[in-house]
PDB file of N, CA and C in Angstrom:
ATOM      1  N   UNK A   1     105.449  33.926 -16.723  1.00  0.00           N
ATOM      2  CA  UNK A   1     105.879  33.633 -15.051  1.00  0.00           C
ATOM      3  C   UNK A   1     104.568  33.782 -15.027  1.00  0.00           C
ATOM      4  N   UNK A   2     103.937  35.423 -14.723  1.00  0.00           N
ATOM      5  CA  UNK A   2     102.616  35.274 -13.590  1.00  0.00           C
ATOM      6  C   UNK A   2     101.588  33.958 -14.208  1.00  0.00           C
ATOM      7  N   UNK A   3     101.284  33.666 -15.143  1.00  0.00           N
ATOM      8  CA  UNK A   3     100.490  32.538 -15.305  1.00  0.00           C
ATOM      9  C   UNK A   3     100.956  31.345 -14.817  1.00  0.00           C
ATOM     10  N   UNK A   4     101.619  31.286 -14.577  1.00  0.00           N
ATOM     11  CA  UNK A   4     102.464  29.988 -14.117  1.00  0.00           C
ATOM     12  C   UNK A   4     102.482  30.215 -12.262  1.00  0.00           C
ATOM     13  N   UNK A   5     101.955  30.891 -11.758  1.00  0.00           N
ATOM     14  CA  UNK A   5     102.244  31.616 -10.467  1.00  0.00           C
ATOM     15  C   UNK A   5     100.565  31.725 -10.206  1.00  0.00           C
ATOM     16  N   UNK A   6     100.208  32.017 -11.203  1.00  0.00           N
ATOM     17  CA  UNK A   6      98.086  31.527 -11.015  1.00  0.00           C
ATOM     18  C   UNK A   6      98.299  30.022 -11.245  1.00  0.00           C
ATOM     19  N   UNK A   7      98.367  29.307 -12.046  1.00  0.00           N
ATOM     20  CA  UNK A   7      97.876  28.025 -11.853  1.00  0.00           C
ATOM     21  C   UNK A   7      98.542  27.223 -11.035  1.00  0.00           C
ATOM     22  N   UNK A   8      99.244  27.803 -10.404  1.00  0.00           N
ATOM     23  CA  UNK A   8     100.355  26.917  -9.070  1.00  0.00           C
ATOM     24  C   UNK A   8      99.132  27.114  -8.053  1.00  0.00           C
ATOM     25  N   UNK A   9      99.010  29.025  -7.998  1.00  0.00           N
ATOM     26  CA  UNK A   9      97.743  29.276  -6.524  1.00  0.00           C
ATOM     27  C   UNK A   9      96.724  27.959  -6.559  1.00  0.00           C
ATOM     28  N   UNK A  10      96.044  28.148  -8.019  1.00  0.00           N
ATOM     29  CA  UNK A  10      94.909  27.548  -8.347  1.00  0.00           C
ATOM     30  C   UNK A  10      94.948  25.777  -7.921  1.00  0.00           C
ATOM     31  N   UNK A  11      96.462  25.135  -8.342  1.00  0.00           N
ATOM     32  CA  UNK A  11      96.109  24.024  -8.100  1.00  0.00           C
ATOM     33  C   UNK A  11      96.569  23.822  -6.809  1.00  0.00           C
ATOM     34  N   UNK A  12      97.229  24.430  -5.758  1.00  0.00           N
ATOM     35  CA  UNK A  12      97.213  24.551  -4.273  1.00  0.00           C
ATOM     36  C   UNK A  12      95.897  24.421  -3.362  1.00  0.00           C
ATOM     37  N   UNK A  13      95.179  25.441  -4.083  1.00  0.00           N
ATOM     38  CA  UNK A  13      93.465  25.314  -3.765  1.00  0.00           C
ATOM     39  C   UNK A  13      92.972  24.171  -3.922  1.00  0.00           C
ATOM     40  N   UNK A  14      92.829  23.885  -5.084  1.00  0.00           N
ATOM     41  CA  UNK A  14      92.346  22.472  -5.264  1.00  0.00           C
ATOM     42  C   UNK A  14      92.674  21.203  -5.174  1.00  0.00           C
ATOM     43  N   UNK A  15      94.029  21.395  -4.313  1.00  0.00           N
ATOM     44  CA  UNK A  15      94.618  20.091  -3.825  1.00  0.00           C
ATOM     45  C   UNK A  15      94.062  19.711  -2.420  1.00  0.00           C
ATOM     46  N   UNK A  16      94.070  21.027  -1.588  1.00  0.00           N
ATOM     47  CA  UNK A  16      93.462  21.124  -0.350  1.00  0.00           C
ATOM     48  C   UNK A  16      91.796  21.010  -0.416  1.00  0.00           C
ATOM     49  N   UNK A  17      91.585  21.194  -1.509  1.00  0.00           N
ATOM     50  CA  UNK A  17      89.997  20.706  -1.699  1.00  0.00           C
ATOM     51  C   UNK A  17      89.458  19.246  -1.791  1.00  0.00           C
ATOM     52  N   UNK A  18      90.593  18.737  -2.467  1.00  0.00           N
ATOM     53  CA  UNK A  18      90.167  17.296  -3.191  1.00  0.00           C
ATOM     54  C   UNK A  18      90.990  16.183  -1.879  1.00  0.00           C
ATOM     55  N   UNK A  19      91.532  16.873  -0.923  1.00  0.00           N
ATOM     56  CA  UNK A  19      91.930  16.260   0.289  1.00  0.00           C
ATOM     57  C   UNK A  19      90.824  16.434   1.384  1.00  0.00           C
ATOM     58  N   UNK A  20      90.386  17.483   1.117  1.00  0.00           N
ATOM     59  CA  UNK A  20      88.918  16.959   2.196  1.00  0.00           C
ATOM     60  C   UNK A  20      87.716  16.436   1.828  1.00  0.00           C
ATOM     61  N   UNK A  21      87.733  16.628   0.225  1.00  0.00           N
ATOM     62  CA  UNK A  21      86.448  15.563  -0.074  1.00  0.00           C
ATOM     63  C   UNK A  21      86.950  14.318   0.478  1.00  0.00           C
ATOM     64  N   UNK A  22      88.372  13.484   0.238  1.00  0.00           N
ATOM     65  CA  UNK A  22      88.736  12.366   0.244  1.00  0.00           C
ATOM     66  C   UNK A  22      88.289  12.232   2.016  1.00  0.00           C
ATOM     67  N   UNK A  23      88.595  13.371   2.440  1.00  0.00           N
ATOM     68  CA  UNK A  23      88.229  12.516   4.153  1.00  0.00           C
ATOM     69  C   UNK A  23      87.114  12.767   4.465  1.00  0.00           C
ATOM     70  N   UNK A  24      86.227  13.684   3.915  1.00  0.00           N
ATOM     71  CA  UNK A  24      84.933  13.334   3.592  1.00  0.00           C
ATOM     72  C   UNK A  24      84.340  12.863   3.515  1.00  0.00           C
ATOM     73  N   UNK A  25      84.682  12.123   2.620  1.00  0.00           N
ATOM     74  CA  UNK A  25      84.237  10.600   2.070  1.00  0.00           C
ATOM     75  C   UNK A  25      84.358   9.419   2.490  1.00  0.00           C
ATOM     76  N   UNK A  26      85.207   9.243   3.503  1.00  0.00           N
ATOM     77  CA  UNK A  26      85.976   8.462   4.196  1.00  0.00           C
ATOM     78  C   UNK A  26      85.206   8.398   5.284  1.00  0.00           C
ATOM     79  N   UNK A  27      85.096   9.600   5.750  1.00  0.00           N
ATOM     80  CA  UNK A  27      83.749   9.225   6.879  1.00  0.00           C
ATOM     81  C   UNK A  27      82.425   9.338   6.458  1.00  0.00           C
ATOM     82  N   UNK A  28      82.109   8.604   5.297  1.00  0.00           N
ATOM     83  CA  UNK A  28      80.823   8.493   5.489  1.00  0.00           C
ATOM     84  C   UNK A  28      79.299   9.682   5.090  1.00  0.00           C
ATOM     85  N   UNK A  29      80.597  11.477   5.300  1.00  0.00           N
ATOM     86  CA  UNK A  29      79.482  12.272   5.557  1.00  0.00           C
ATOM     87  C   UNK A  29      79.150  12.515   3.836  1.00  0.00           C
ATOM     88  N   UNK A  30      78.739  12.221   3.010  1.00  0.00           N
ATOM     89  CA  UNK A  30      78.312  12.427   1.569  1.00  0.00           C
ATOM     90  C   UNK A  30      77.344  13.489   1.515  1.00  0.00           C
ATOM     91  N   UNK A  31      76.792  13.951   2.591  1.00  0.00           N
ATOM     92  CA  UNK A  31      76.060  15.339   2.380  1.00  0.00           C
ATOM     93  C   UNK A  31      77.032  16.450   1.975  1.00  0.00           C
ATOM     94  N   UNK A  32      78.034  16.733   2.932  1.00  0.00           N
ATOM     95  CA  UNK A  32      79.364  17.173   2.763  1.00  0.00           C
ATOM     96  C   UNK A  32      80.233  17.330   1.627  1.00  0.00           C
ATOM     97  N   UNK A  33      80.097  15.756   1.712  1.00  0.00           N
ATOM     98  CA  UNK A  33      81.011  15.760   0.258  1.00  0.00           C
ATOM     99  C   UNK A  33      80.514  16.170  -0.776  1.00  0.00           C
ATOM    100  N   UNK A  34      79.113  16.111  -1.157  1.00  0.00           N
ATOM    101  CA  UNK A  34      78.465  16.782  -1.786  1.00  0.00           C
ATOM    102  C   UNK A  34      78.680  18.431  -2.277  1.00  0.00           C
ATOM    103  N   UNK A  35      78.255  19.008  -1.176  1.00  0.00           N
ATOM    104  CA  UNK A  35      78.479  20.615  -1.289  1.00  0.00           C
ATOM    105  C   UNK A  35      79.860  20.799  -1.608  1.00  0.00           C
ATOM    106  N   UNK A  36      81.072  19.726  -1.188  1.00  0.00           N
ATOM    107  CA  UNK A  36      82.259  20.060  -1.386  1.00  0.00           C
ATOM    108  C   UNK A  36      82.576  20.040  -3.108  1.00  0.00           C
ATOM    109  N   UNK A  37      81.459  19.029  -3.587  1.00  0.00           N
ATOM    110  CA  UNK A  37      81.834  18.998  -5.014  1.00  0.00           C
ATOM    111  C   UNK A  37      81.079  19.925  -5.354  1.00  0.00           C
ATOM    112  N   UNK A  38      80.109  20.505  -4.918  1.00  0.00           N
ATOM    113  CA  UNK A  38      79.400  21.636  -5.555  1.00  0.00           C
ATOM    114  C   UNK A  38      80.106  22.806  -5.602  1.00  0.00           C
ATOM    115  N   UNK A  39      81.273  23.310  -4.517  1.00  0.00           N
ATOM    116  CA  UNK A  39      81.878  24.299  -4.299  1.00  0.00           C
ATOM    117  C   UNK A  39      83.296  24.320  -5.610  1.00  0.00           C
ATOM    118  N   UNK A  40      83.739  22.522  -5.912  1.00  0.00           N
ATOM    119  CA  UNK A  40      84.553  23.246  -6.395  1.00  0.00           C
ATOM    120  C   UNK A  40      84.104  23.265  -8.455  1.00  0.00           C
ATOM    121  N   UNK A  41      82.822  22.842  -8.710  1.00  0.00           N
ATOM    122  CA  UNK A  41      82.144  23.097  -9.695  1.00  0.00           C
ATOM    123  C   UNK A  41      82.069  24.600  -9.975  1.00  0.00           C
ATOM    124  N   UNK A  42      81.640  25.428  -8.770  1.00  0.00           N
ATOM    125  CA  UNK A  42      81.578  26.499  -9.017  1.00  0.00           C
ATOM    126  C   UNK A  42      82.261  27.388  -9.020  1.00  0.00           C
ATOM    127  N   UNK A  43      83.511  26.841  -8.370  1.00  0.00           N
ATOM    128  CA  UNK A  43      84.968  27.827  -8.609  1.00  0.00           C
ATOM    129  C   UNK A  43      85.612  27.173  -9.790  1.00  0.00           C
ATOM    130  N   UNK A  44      85.256  26.156 -10.513  1.00  0.00           N
ATOM    131  CA  UNK A  44      85.780  26.204 -11.886  1.00  0.00           C
ATOM    132  C   UNK A  44      85.292  26.708 -12.874  1.00  0.00           C
ATOM    133  N   UNK A  45      83.837  26.720 -13.217  1.00  0.00           N
ATOM    134  CA  UNK A  45      83.254  27.659 -13.638  1.00  0.00           C
ATOM    135  C   UNK A  45      83.800  29.097 -13.835  1.00  0.00           C
ATOM    136  N   UNK A  46      83.802  29.241 -12.278  1.00  0.00           N
ATOM    137  CA  UNK A  46      84.424  30.888 -12.332  1.00  0.00           C
ATOM    138  C   UNK A  46      85.765  31.443 -12.740  1.00  0.00           C
ATOM    139  N   UNK A  47      86.657  30.172 -12.826  1.00  0.00           N
ATOM    140  CA  UNK A  47      87.757  30.273 -13.036  1.00  0.00           C
ATOM    141  C   UNK A  47      87.807  30.453 -14.825  1.00  0.00           C
ATOM    142  N   UNK A  48      86.800  29.641 -15.074  1.00  0.00           N
ATOM    143  CA  UNK A  48      86.836  29.367 -16.343  1.00  0.00           C
ATOM    144  C   UNK A  48      86.646  30.577 -17.290  1.00  0.00           C
ATOM    145  N   UNK A  49      85.539  31.576 -16.612  1.00  0.00           N
ATOM    146  CA  UNK A  49      84.930  32.405 -17.441  1.00  0.00           C
ATOM    147  C   UNK A  49      85.527  33.941 -16.630  1.00  0.00           C
ATOM    148  N   UNK A  50      86.923  33.713 -16.138  1.00  0.00           N
ATOM    149  CA  UNK A  50      87.653  34.877 -15.953  1.00  0.00           C
ATOM    150  C   UNK A  50      88.384  34.960 -17.199  1.00  0.00           C
TER     151      UNK A  50
END
C-alpha cells in the first residue's frame, strides 16, 4: 500500500510539472521550458537512484 501512495505522490508532482511545461511552451518561453525539462530529468534520475 505504501508504494502505491508514493507512486501517486510522484504522479501528482509530475502532472503539475507537465501542465506548467505545456503552459510555458504555449507562451513561447522556450528558455523556461528547457529549464523545466532539465528539472524533470533531474527529478526522475534522482527517483531512479533512490
